Amino acid sequence: MWIAFGAAAVCFGICLPLYMRYRSFRLPLAAAFKSLGSLCAMVPALIAALKLNPLCWVLVGALALYAAADAVLEFKFLPGMGCFLLGHVCSIAFLVSLFPPSLSHLICLLVLLVGFGFLLWKNRKAAGKSIPAFVFYGLVLGVMVSCGIAGGGSSYSTQGLLIAFGAALFAFSDGLLFNSLFHATGKETTWIIMITYELSLLLLGSACLFM
């Protein structure tokens, strides 16, 4: 587990503070540190893919796409969201392989979609013509998160709990991010978004060490 703790230390001790420092005036540096922070989560997953279970390569691919999205999103919104969507698809494939879909997956998905639907309805005027794109992204994200929460939570294992908590934090972070697109928020909110997002990736990556 020292691998996971080391990755977390680099992410939260170096990459995240430097991203927050440079995000307002040196965009290339900010994008680089944001992406490097996400790549920290790939380290335990990569070790697990090499030594424990080849299935972890699917999650490695997902985490690499998330890291790419973090960099691209600082410059172009739509290409960045496209990378996130591809990452979610890889995450879904990984999670479904671990935890076959069940009724609890469907119930969890419905709850998540109701919550996202409320946020979207609340911001419908500001979202405007982008609503279909947000709906599509929300649906894919909801499937990924429900696979993590329902599948991981019902496995009653350390790996499953890490995945469930990581997926829940991902949804929380994206919910705050979505709300911040339409409402002015302070630096504290950005810190919360980034901390919960990076922690969610670290939990997902570290879960691979318990394969």
Foldseek 3Di string as FASTA:
>chain_A
DVLLVVLQCCLVVPLVVQLLVCLPPPLQSNLVSLLSSLCSLLRLLVVLCVPPNVLSVLLSQLSNLLSVLSNVCSPDPVVSLVSNLVSLVSLLVSLCVQFPDDVQLVVQLVVQLVVVVVVCVVCVVVCDPVVVVSNVSSNSLSSSLSSLQSRLVVVPDLLSVLSNQLSVLCSVLVSLVVNCVRDPDDPVSVVSSSVSNSSSSSSNSNSSNVD
